[in-house]
Amino acid sequence: MNEAIFQRTLEVIKRMSVVTNDLSETETLSSVGIDSLKMVELIIAIEEEFGIEFNDSTLDPSKLITIEDLLELIHSTLSKA
């Protein structure tokens, strides 16, 4: 995974979460305070951060469990851009 994408994603998550310490790819989004409402806000913030728009057909919040899941979605969206 691209380190720059990873770091930028972590910064967005940290701005929205209750956690300020180091995060790993395997942590669940819910464990850092991202509930269903914050998930919507997180998706919008990620789209703005990377200048992308997630395709509704590939965006399934129920499959975004870990930070790694979110990173994979970002990477796949960027690779199609």
Protein backbone atom coordinates (compact mmCIF):
# COMPACT_ATOMS: atom_id res chain seq x y z
CA MET A 1 0.00 0.00 0.00
CA ASN A 2 1.23 3.45 -0.83
CA GLU A 3 2.61 5.09 2.33
CA ALA A 4 1.40 8.58 1.34
CA ILE A 5 -2.17 7.32 0.86
CA PHE A 6 -1.95 5.50 4.17
CA GLN A 7 -0.75 8.60 6.06
CA ARG A 8 -3.31 10.92 4.44
CA THR A 9 -6.09 8.46 5.24
CA LEU A 10 -4.96 8.18 8.86
CA GLU A 11 -4.96 11.96 9.22
CA VAL A 12 -8.57 12.13 8.00
CA ILE A 13 -9.58 9.33 10.37
CA LYS A 14 -7.82 10.99 13.31
CA ARG A 15 -9.66 14.26 12.65
CA MET A 16 -12.97 12.42 12.95
CA SER A 17 -12.23 9.86 15.63
CA VAL A 18 -11.74 9.76 19.36
CA VAL A 19 -8.25 8.27 19.00
CA THR A 20 -5.14 10.39 18.75
CA ASN A 21 -2.47 7.72 19.07
CA ASP A 22 -0.94 5.68 16.27
CA LEU A 23 -3.36 3.64 14.22
CA SER A 24 -2.74 0.44 12.29
CA GLU A 25 -4.40 -0.92 9.17
CA THR A 26 -5.99 -3.76 11.13
CA GLU A 27 -7.93 -1.57 13.56
CA THR A 28 -11.67 -1.47 13.10
CA LEU A 29 -13.24 1.84 12.24
CA SER A 30 -15.74 1.37 15.06
CA SER A 31 -12.90 0.96 17.59
CA VAL A 32 -11.69 4.47 16.75
CA GLY A 33 -15.14 6.01 17.11
CA ILE A 34 -16.45 5.86 13.54
CA ASP A 35 -20.14 4.99 13.82
CA SER A 36 -22.65 4.94 10.96
CA LEU A 37 -23.13 8.72 10.93
CA LYS A 38 -19.41 9.39 11.11
CA MET A 39 -18.90 6.82 8.33
CA VAL A 40 -20.87 9.05 5.96
CA GLU A 41 -18.79 12.03 7.04
CA LEU A 42 -15.59 9.99 6.67
CA ILE A 43 -16.48 8.91 3.12
CA ILE A 44 -17.13 12.53 2.13
CA ALA A 45 -13.88 13.68 3.78
CA ILE A 46 -11.89 10.96 2.00
CA GLU A 47 -13.44 11.92 -1.35
CA GLU A 48 -12.48 15.54 -0.75
CA GLU A 49 -8.97 14.66 0.47
CA PHE A 50 -8.14 12.59 -2.60
CA GLY A 51 -10.29 14.41 -5.17
CA ILE A 52 -12.21 11.24 -5.97
CA GLU A 53 -15.80 10.09 -5.97
CA PHE A 54 -16.64 6.59 -4.86
CA ASN A 55 -18.90 4.66 -7.20
CA ASP A 56 -22.19 3.81 -5.50
CA SER A 57 -21.96 0.26 -6.83
CA THR A 58 -18.60 -0.34 -5.11
CA LEU A 59 -19.30 1.64 -1.95
CA ASP A 60 -20.78 -0.67 0.65
CA PRO A 61 -20.27 0.78 4.14
CA SER A 62 -21.09 -2.59 5.70
CA LYS A 63 -17.88 -3.95 4.11
CA LEU A 64 -15.74 -1.12 5.49
CA ILE A 65 -14.82 -2.74 8.76
CA THR A 66 -11.12 -1.99 9.12
CA ILE A 67 -8.83 0.83 8.10
CA GLU A 68 -7.35 -1.62 5.59
CA ASP A 69 -10.79 -2.07 3.98
CA LEU A 70 -11.01 1.69 3.52
CA LEU A 71 -7.48 1.85 2.11
CA GLU A 72 -8.32 -0.87 -0.43
CA LEU A 73 -11.40 1.07 -1.55
CA ILE A 74 -9.34 4.26 -1.94
CA HIS A 75 -6.62 2.44 -3.86
CA SER A 76 -9.05 0.73 -6.23
CA THR A 77 -10.88 4.02 -6.86
CA LEU A 78 -7.64 5.89 -7.52
CA SER A 79 -6.42 3.19 -9.90
CA LYS A 80 -9.59 3.54 -11.98
CA ALA A 81 -9.32 7.34 -12.16
